[in-house]
Amino acid sequence: MFAALPKGTDNDPANTVRKNPWTFDGLVGPGTSQTDMTLSKAFKLSERFKFEVRVEGYDVFNNLNWDNPVLDFTNANFGKVVSKRPGYIGREIQYGFKLSF
């Protein structure tokens, strides 16, 4: 279904008509889904002191976000999604405490 164009077809300045498209309509990679949440509560200890507890969760439902498929048609995995998207490392939770006076 896919084949390499003859050498010089894409880079030849005399070739004014491109026969191999850069993109294909309707062809998109997998989407991403990430839900972030924050829960905080402030306590008044006295007139002068205030204490705050904070919990933040990133990707709280731990969704797996897939990377785009392999686009090199000479690769054995052409058209397959073989890795997760970089930058989406999974669920992260951080805690914070603040004392204001």
Protein backbone atom coordinates (compact mmCIF):
# COMPACT_ATOMS: atom_id res chain seq x y z
CA MET A 1 0.00 0.00 0.00
CA PHE A 2 2.91 2.38 0.76
CA ALA A 3 6.07 2.63 -1.30
CA ALA A 4 9.04 4.97 -1.42
CA LEU A 5 9.07 7.50 -4.24
CA PRO A 6 11.94 7.29 -6.72
CA LYS A 7 15.08 9.10 -5.60
CA GLY A 8 14.94 12.85 -6.27
CA THR A 9 11.15 13.02 -6.68
CA ASP A 10 10.51 15.22 -3.62
CA ASN A 11 13.72 17.27 -3.69
CA ASP A 12 14.04 17.85 -7.44
CA PRO A 13 13.40 21.56 -8.19
CA ALA A 14 12.22 20.65 -11.69
CA ASN A 15 9.43 18.57 -10.17
CA THR A 16 6.74 21.18 -9.56
CA VAL A 17 3.91 18.75 -8.77
CA ARG A 18 4.21 16.91 -5.50
CA LYS A 19 2.78 13.40 -5.74
CA ASN A 20 3.33 12.35 -2.11
CA PRO A 21 1.14 14.38 0.30
CA TRP A 22 2.54 15.67 3.61
CA THR A 23 -0.74 15.02 5.43
CA PHE A 24 -3.88 12.96 4.96
CA ASP A 25 -7.34 14.35 5.77
CA GLY A 26 -9.07 12.65 8.71
CA LEU A 27 -5.91 10.92 9.96
CA VAL A 28 -5.17 11.92 13.55
CA GLY A 29 -3.30 10.35 16.44
CA PRO A 30 -4.83 9.27 19.74
CA GLY A 31 -6.28 11.93 22.04
CA THR A 32 -5.20 12.72 25.57
CA SER A 33 -7.17 12.71 28.77
CA GLN A 34 -5.95 14.12 32.07
CA THR A 35 -7.94 15.22 35.11
CA ASP A 36 -6.31 17.44 37.76
CA MET A 37 -7.87 18.15 41.16
CA THR A 38 -7.11 20.27 44.22
CA LEU A 39 -8.54 19.97 47.70
CA SER A 40 -7.71 22.56 50.35
CA LYS A 41 -8.93 23.47 53.80
CA ALA A 42 -7.97 26.47 55.94
CA PHE A 43 -8.18 26.42 59.74
CA LYS A 44 -8.15 29.54 61.89
CA LEU A 45 -6.00 28.69 64.91
CA SER A 46 -6.25 32.12 66.55
CA GLU A 47 -6.73 35.70 65.48
CA ARG A 48 -3.14 35.81 64.33
CA PHE A 49 -2.47 32.28 63.01
CA LYS A 50 -4.06 30.50 60.09
CA PHE A 51 -3.15 26.94 58.97
CA GLU A 52 -3.87 25.60 55.48
CA VAL A 53 -3.73 21.98 54.27
CA ARG A 54 -3.64 21.37 50.53
CA VAL A 55 -3.66 18.17 48.41
CA GLU A 56 -3.14 18.42 44.65
CA GLY A 57 -3.53 15.51 42.26
CA TYR A 58 -2.41 15.48 38.64
CA ASP A 59 -3.95 12.86 36.32
CA VAL A 60 -5.92 11.52 39.29
CA PHE A 61 -7.65 8.80 37.22
CA ASN A 62 -4.24 7.61 35.92
CA ASN A 63 -5.22 7.57 32.22
CA LEU A 64 -2.67 6.18 29.78
CA ASN A 65 -2.03 8.69 26.98
CA TRP A 66 -0.66 7.01 23.86
CA ASP A 67 1.91 8.60 21.55
CA ASN A 68 1.38 9.04 17.81
CA PRO A 69 1.85 5.98 15.55
CA VAL A 70 5.17 5.21 13.88
CA LEU A 71 5.24 7.06 10.54
CA ASP A 72 8.36 5.52 8.95
CA PHE A 73 6.88 2.98 6.52
CA THR A 74 10.19 1.07 6.37
CA ASN A 75 9.82 0.29 10.10
CA ALA A 76 8.20 -3.02 11.06
CA ASN A 77 5.90 -1.12 13.48
CA PHE A 78 4.58 1.26 10.81
CA GLY A 79 1.13 2.54 11.73
CA LYS A 80 1.26 1.08 15.24
CA VAL A 81 1.27 2.97 18.52
CA VAL A 82 4.15 1.47 20.49
CA SER A 83 4.81 3.95 23.31
CA LYS A 84 3.09 6.33 25.69
CA ARG A 85 3.15 10.07 25.08
CA PRO A 86 6.22 11.78 26.62
CA GLY A 87 5.41 14.26 29.34
CA TYR A 88 2.44 12.28 30.67
CA ILE A 89 4.02 10.23 33.43
CA GLY A 90 0.90 9.10 35.26
CA ARG A 91 -0.70 9.99 38.55
CA GLU A 92 1.12 12.47 40.80
CA ILE A 93 -0.02 13.66 44.21
CA GLN A 94 1.54 16.42 46.28
CA TYR A 95 0.73 17.67 49.75
CA GLY A 96 1.25 21.14 51.13
CA PHE A 97 0.95 22.82 54.52
CA LYS A 98 1.04 26.56 55.14
CA LEU A 99 1.09 28.52 58.37
CA SER A 100 0.19 32.19 58.02
CA PHE A 101 0.73 34.72 60.79
